[in-house]
Amino acid sequence: MKKSTLLLTIAFLSLTAFAQKNNIDKDIKMYAQVWDDIVNKGEIDLINDKNFDTNIVMVSSPENIVGIDAFKAYYQNFITGFSDRKFTVKNIFGQGDQLVKHWHFTGKHTGDFFGIPATGNTVDIEGVTIAKMKNGKIAKEQDFLDSSVMMQQLGLVSDPNNVAVIDGLYNAFATGDVPSVLGAMDANIVWNEAEGNKLAKGNPYIGPDAVLNGVFGPLIAEHEYFKVADIQLHDMSNNQVLATLRYDAKNKATGKAYNAQVAHLWTLKDGKITAFQQYVDTKKLADSEKK
């Protein structure tokens, strides 16, 4: 009798474990397919009471998003805001009614995204979502990701390393390390000298070689010395750094020295300088060239 009871218990536990495993597999398959269709195919109407519990909850701050309509409106921002969307579930597993997915998302910001006008920037982010299932439907979600990375990629929050990049460039320039200065530039940097500066005739200089030959070369050739001083760096939005400084220089041909007030606006992306705009008292520069 005891042996029969034990066998029945083992059989019951085995069937229960099999049923749970089967349910988890079904939930995972359904969950992954639904999100693939919603994000990659833009089928936002799949956020409905067939796939989601009517009281679906997204854990969010400052308050949770509750209900299918609110949940759908939230994700509509991703469909409207990004083209070339690619959402990939890198790994997904579950236990009981809980699922965990590791995901990767890329897209180009070409539309309104939570009120943010299109920037044309591409985002490339990863995160983890914990989901709760109920009767084969998605009932609760909570995302974990570094939102500051996304804001940086959209250009709304600047990369905190930008100022250090520009500071390093000025330090390299001060020591005459031109290769390091050029090395900080993007291969397609767009460089513009201030209007009224004779070097502006070459605007825009595209690429480090153009900057070297069209700007740095003439500066070195025409000056007995050319220094930058009183540099103040100001971190800006949109991955820009504003530098206020002075040129302390002496024209070689005329022997005239000048000290001019200057501003440089630098634009960076992924740690490289993509654009430069100079603002300077061009009269002082021109006066130094008069014999």
Protein backbone atom coordinates (compact mmCIF):
# COMPACT_ATOMS: atom_id res chain seq x y z
CA MET A 1 0.00 0.00 0.00
CA LYS A 2 2.77 2.36 0.99
CA LYS A 3 4.65 1.53 -2.18
CA SER A 4 1.60 2.29 -4.32
CA THR A 5 1.08 5.62 -2.56
CA LEU A 6 4.71 6.55 -3.15
CA LEU A 7 4.47 5.69 -6.82
CA LEU A 8 1.29 7.71 -7.20
CA THR A 9 2.93 10.68 -5.46
CA ILE A 10 5.97 10.50 -7.73
CA ALA A 11 3.73 10.24 -10.78
CA PHE A 12 1.65 13.23 -9.62
CA LEU A 13 4.73 15.36 -8.98
CA SER A 14 6.18 14.41 -12.35
CA LEU A 15 2.97 15.33 -14.15
CA THR A 16 2.78 18.62 -12.24
CA ALA A 17 6.38 19.48 -13.13
CA PHE A 18 5.71 18.57 -16.76
CA ALA A 19 2.59 20.75 -16.83
CA GLN A 20 4.46 23.68 -15.29
CA LYS A 21 7.30 23.28 -17.77
CA ASN A 22 4.79 23.11 -20.62
CA ASN A 23 3.05 26.27 -19.39
CA ILE A 24 6.33 28.16 -19.09
CA ASP A 25 7.34 27.12 -22.60
CA LYS A 26 3.98 28.33 -23.95
CA ASP A 27 4.28 31.63 -22.07
CA ILE A 28 7.79 32.22 -23.35
CA LYS A 29 6.81 31.47 -26.94
CA MET A 30 3.75 33.71 -26.76
CA TYR A 31 5.58 36.52 -24.98
CA ALA A 32 8.53 36.62 -27.39
CA GLN A 33 6.30 36.47 -30.47
CA VAL A 34 3.96 39.23 -29.28
CA TRP A 35 6.77 41.68 -28.58
CA ASP A 36 8.49 40.84 -31.85
CA ASP A 37 5.29 41.66 -33.74
CA ILE A 38 4.56 44.82 -31.73
CA VAL A 39 8.01 46.42 -31.97
CA ASN A 40 9.55 45.09 -35.16
CA LYS A 41 6.35 44.97 -37.24
CA GLY A 42 4.66 47.93 -35.57
CA GLU A 43 1.52 45.91 -34.78
CA ILE A 44 0.57 48.07 -31.81
CA ASP A 45 -3.02 46.72 -31.80
CA LEU A 46 -1.66 43.44 -30.43
CA ILE A 47 -1.66 45.23 -27.10
CA ASN A 48 -5.19 43.99 -26.42
CA ASP A 49 -7.09 41.84 -23.94
CA LYS A 50 -6.18 38.69 -25.89
CA ASN A 51 -2.47 39.06 -25.13
CA PHE A 52 -2.51 41.29 -22.05
CA ASP A 53 -4.43 41.17 -18.81
CA THR A 54 -6.99 43.99 -18.69
CA ASN A 55 -5.24 45.34 -15.60
CA ILE A 56 -1.73 45.14 -17.10
CA VAL A 57 0.75 47.07 -14.93
CA MET A 58 4.03 48.62 -16.00
CA VAL A 59 6.11 49.48 -12.96
CA SER A 60 7.29 53.02 -13.60
CA SER A 61 8.24 56.25 -11.87
CA PRO A 62 6.74 58.54 -10.65
CA GLU A 63 3.66 56.31 -11.01
CA ASN A 64 2.80 53.00 -12.59
CA ILE A 65 1.12 52.69 -15.99
CA VAL A 66 -2.06 50.67 -15.54
CA GLY A 67 -4.52 49.25 -18.05
CA ILE A 68 -4.37 48.26 -21.69
CA ASP A 69 -5.14 51.73 -23.10
CA ALA A 70 -2.40 53.43 -21.06
CA PHE A 71 0.05 50.63 -21.81
CA LYS A 72 -0.70 50.86 -25.52
CA ALA A 73 -0.33 54.66 -25.53
CA TYR A 74 3.05 54.31 -23.83
CA TYR A 75 4.47 51.94 -26.45
CA GLN A 76 2.95 53.92 -29.31
CA ASN A 77 5.74 56.42 -28.62
CA PHE A 78 8.33 53.85 -29.67
CA ILE A 79 6.46 52.98 -32.86
CA THR A 80 5.92 56.64 -33.78
CA GLY A 81 9.30 57.83 -32.57
CA PHE A 82 11.61 55.33 -34.22
CA SER A 83 12.05 53.96 -37.71
CA ASP A 84 14.37 51.09 -38.64
CA ARG A 85 13.39 49.44 -35.37
CA LYS A 86 15.06 46.18 -34.46
CA PHE A 87 14.10 44.50 -31.22
CA THR A 88 15.88 41.29 -30.31
CA VAL A 89 15.31 39.02 -27.33
CA LYS A 90 18.82 37.83 -26.57
CA ASN A 91 17.77 35.47 -23.79
CA ILE A 92 14.53 34.58 -22.03
CA PHE A 93 13.69 32.14 -19.26
CA GLY A 94 11.02 31.66 -16.63
CA GLN A 95 9.87 30.02 -13.44
CA GLY A 96 6.31 29.75 -12.25
CA ASP A 97 4.46 32.81 -13.54
CA GLN A 98 7.62 34.94 -13.83
CA LEU A 99 9.60 35.58 -17.03
CA VAL A 100 12.93 37.35 -17.44
CA LYS A 101 14.16 38.61 -20.81
CA HIS A 102 17.43 40.22 -21.86
CA TRP A 103 16.73 42.44 -24.88
CA HIS A 104 18.47 44.68 -27.40
CA PHE A 105 16.85 47.60 -29.23
CA THR A 106 18.07 49.82 -32.06
CA GLY A 107 16.20 52.47 -33.99
CA LYS A 108 16.48 55.85 -35.68
CA HIS A 109 14.71 58.73 -33.96
CA THR A 110 12.65 60.13 -36.83
CA GLY A 111 9.38 61.00 -35.08
CA ASP A 112 7.89 62.38 -31.90
CA PHE A 113 9.02 60.37 -28.86
CA PHE A 114 7.26 61.33 -25.62
CA GLY A 115 7.14 64.92 -26.87
CA ILE A 116 10.77 64.95 -28.03
CA PRO A 117 10.98 66.10 -31.68
CA ALA A 118 12.94 63.91 -34.10
CA THR A 119 16.72 64.25 -33.76
CA GLY A 120 17.72 61.84 -36.51
CA ASN A 121 19.99 60.09 -34.00
CA THR A 122 20.27 56.33 -33.71
CA VAL A 123 19.82 54.63 -30.36
CA ASP A 124 21.40 51.31 -29.45
CA ILE A 125 20.44 50.08 -25.98
CA GLU A 126 20.10 46.90 -23.96
CA GLY A 127 18.04 46.08 -20.91
CA VAL A 128 16.27 43.47 -18.86
CA THR A 129 12.54 43.07 -18.30
CA ILE A 130 10.85 41.08 -15.56
CA ALA A 131 7.33 40.03 -16.55
CA LYS A 132 4.48 38.31 -14.73
CA MET A 133 2.06 36.09 -16.61
CA LYS A 134 -1.56 35.36 -15.71
CA ASN A 135 -3.66 32.75 -17.48
CA GLY A 136 -1.40 32.89 -20.53
CA LYS A 137 -1.48 36.69 -20.73
CA ILE A 138 1.05 39.38 -19.84
CA ALA A 139 -0.03 40.92 -16.53
CA LYS A 140 2.91 42.95 -15.30
CA GLU A 141 6.25 44.29 -16.58
CA GLN A 142 9.20 46.14 -15.14
CA ASP A 143 12.11 47.32 -17.29
CA PHE A 144 15.68 47.75 -16.09
CA LEU A 145 17.99 49.82 -18.31
CA ASP A 146 20.36 52.77 -18.15
CA SER A 147 18.06 55.50 -19.47
CA SER A 148 20.91 58.05 -19.35
CA VAL A 149 22.61 56.17 -22.20
CA MET A 150 19.51 56.56 -24.34
CA MET A 151 19.29 60.27 -23.50
CA GLN A 152 22.95 60.69 -24.46
CA GLN A 153 22.39 58.91 -27.77
CA LEU A 154 19.42 61.17 -28.48
CA GLY A 155 21.64 64.16 -27.74
CA LEU A 156 19.48 65.31 -24.84
CA VAL A 157 22.13 64.59 -22.24
CA SER A 158 25.75 65.10 -23.15
CA ASP A 159 28.42 62.45 -22.72
CA PRO A 160 30.20 63.29 -19.43
CA ASN A 161 33.56 62.56 -21.11
CA ASN A 162 33.18 65.37 -23.68
CA VAL A 163 34.86 68.04 -21.55
CA ALA A 164 37.81 65.73 -20.88
CA VAL A 165 38.25 65.15 -24.63
CA ILE A 166 38.37 68.90 -25.34
CA ASP A 167 40.62 69.56 -22.36
CA GLY A 168 43.02 66.93 -23.70
CA LEU A 169 42.96 68.57 -27.12
CA TYR A 170 43.95 71.98 -25.73
CA ASN A 171 46.70 70.40 -23.63
CA ALA A 172 48.06 68.63 -26.69
CA PHE A 173 47.92 71.88 -28.71
CA ALA A 174 49.83 73.72 -25.94
CA THR A 175 52.69 71.23 -26.18
CA GLY A 176 52.76 71.24 -29.98
CA ASP A 177 51.43 67.68 -30.19
CA VAL A 178 49.51 68.19 -33.43
CA PRO A 179 49.04 64.43 -34.12
CA SER A 180 47.12 64.06 -30.83
CA VAL A 181 44.99 67.10 -31.69
CA LEU A 182 44.12 65.59 -35.07
CA GLY A 183 43.56 62.20 -33.45
CA ALA A 184 40.72 63.64 -31.37
CA MET A 185 38.81 64.51 -34.55
CA ASP A 186 36.26 62.42 -36.39
CA ALA A 187 37.33 61.41 -39.89
CA ASN A 188 34.61 63.67 -41.31
CA ILE A 189 34.90 66.60 -38.92
CA VAL A 190 33.30 69.82 -40.22
CA TRP A 191 35.52 72.77 -39.24
CA ASN A 192 34.48 76.40 -39.67
CA GLU A 193 36.60 79.48 -39.00
CA ALA A 194 34.91 82.72 -37.91
CA GLU A 195 33.51 84.92 -40.65
CA GLY A 196 35.98 87.76 -41.28
CA ASN A 197 38.95 85.56 -40.48
CA LYS A 198 41.00 85.16 -43.67
CA LEU A 199 41.12 81.41 -43.04
CA ALA A 200 37.33 81.32 -43.40
CA LYS A 201 37.77 81.30 -47.18
CA GLY A 202 38.27 77.55 -46.91
CA ASN A 203 35.09 76.91 -44.89
CA PRO A 204 34.07 74.28 -44.25
CA TYR A 205 37.22 72.20 -43.83
CA ILE A 206 36.22 68.54 -43.98
CA GLY A 207 38.41 65.98 -42.26
CA PRO A 208 41.59 66.28 -40.14
CA ASP A 209 43.91 66.61 -43.14
CA ALA A 210 41.97 69.61 -44.42
CA VAL A 211 42.18 71.21 -40.96
CA LEU A 212 45.91 70.52 -40.79
CA ASN A 213 46.68 71.93 -44.23
CA GLY A 214 44.14 74.74 -44.30
CA VAL A 215 44.25 75.98 -40.70
CA PHE A 216 47.10 74.67 -38.56
CA GLY A 217 49.69 74.87 -41.35
CA PRO A 218 49.12 78.59 -42.10
CA LEU A 219 48.91 79.44 -38.38
CA ILE A 220 52.30 77.85 -37.70
CA ALA A 221 53.89 79.34 -40.82
CA GLU A 222 52.62 82.90 -40.23
CA HIS A 223 53.21 83.23 -36.49
CA GLU A 224 56.31 83.57 -34.39
CA TYR A 225 54.21 82.04 -31.64
CA PHE A 226 50.54 81.17 -31.29
CA LYS A 227 49.20 80.22 -27.86
CA VAL A 228 45.79 79.71 -26.27
CA ALA A 229 45.26 80.99 -22.73
CA ASP A 230 42.60 81.49 -20.04
CA ILE A 231 40.66 78.47 -21.25
CA GLN A 232 37.29 77.86 -19.63
CA LEU A 233 35.26 74.81 -20.68
CA HIS A 234 31.46 74.71 -20.44
CA ASP A 235 29.53 71.47 -20.83
CA MET A 236 26.49 72.00 -23.06
CA SER A 237 23.51 69.92 -24.17
CA ASN A 238 23.48 68.08 -27.51
CA ASN A 239 27.01 66.79 -26.90
CA GLN A 240 28.57 70.20 -27.31
CA VAL A 241 31.32 71.93 -25.34
CA LEU A 242 31.78 75.70 -25.35
CA ALA A 243 35.31 76.96 -24.75
CA THR A 244 36.02 80.59 -23.90
CA LEU A 245 39.68 81.58 -24.18
CA ARG A 246 42.16 84.08 -25.60
CA TYR A 247 44.67 83.91 -28.44
CA ASP A 248 48.12 85.14 -27.44
CA ALA A 249 50.09 85.37 -30.68
CA LYS A 250 52.65 87.29 -32.71
CA ASN A 251 52.58 87.72 -36.48
CA LYS A 252 55.92 86.74 -37.99
CA ALA A 253 55.83 89.06 -41.01
CA THR A 254 54.82 92.27 -39.17
CA GLY A 255 56.22 91.56 -35.73
CA LYS A 256 52.88 92.61 -34.22
CA ALA A 257 51.54 90.77 -31.19
CA TYR A 258 47.87 90.49 -30.36
CA ASN A 259 45.68 89.17 -27.56
CA ALA A 260 42.16 88.38 -28.77
CA GLN A 261 39.02 87.14 -27.08
CA VAL A 262 37.77 83.84 -28.56
CA ALA A 263 35.02 81.26 -28.25
CA HIS A 264 35.10 77.75 -29.69
CA LEU A 265 32.00 75.57 -30.01
CA TRP A 266 32.84 71.87 -30.25
CA THR A 267 30.41 69.08 -31.15
CA LEU A 268 31.24 65.48 -30.29
CA LYS A 269 29.91 62.01 -30.92
CA ASP A 270 31.17 58.78 -29.37
CA GLY A 271 34.23 60.56 -27.99
CA LYS A 272 35.27 62.14 -31.30
CA ILE A 273 34.95 65.77 -32.43
CA THR A 274 32.53 66.01 -35.34
CA ALA A 275 32.25 69.79 -35.71
CA PHE A 276 34.02 73.03 -34.74
CA GLN A 277 32.91 76.66 -34.95
CA GLN A 278 35.22 79.55 -34.13
CA TYR A 279 34.11 82.99 -32.88
CA VAL A 280 36.86 85.62 -32.56
CA ASP A 281 37.60 89.35 -32.71
CA THR A 282 38.72 89.20 -36.33
CA LYS A 283 39.71 92.90 -36.37
CA LYS A 284 42.58 92.16 -34.00
CA LEU A 285 43.73 89.36 -36.27
CA ALA A 286 43.52 91.56 -39.35
CA ASP A 287 45.30 94.49 -37.64
CA SER A 288 48.23 92.25 -36.71
CA GLU A 289 48.83 91.57 -40.41
CA LYS A 290 49.06 95.25 -41.39
CA LYS A 291 52.57 96.60 -41.85
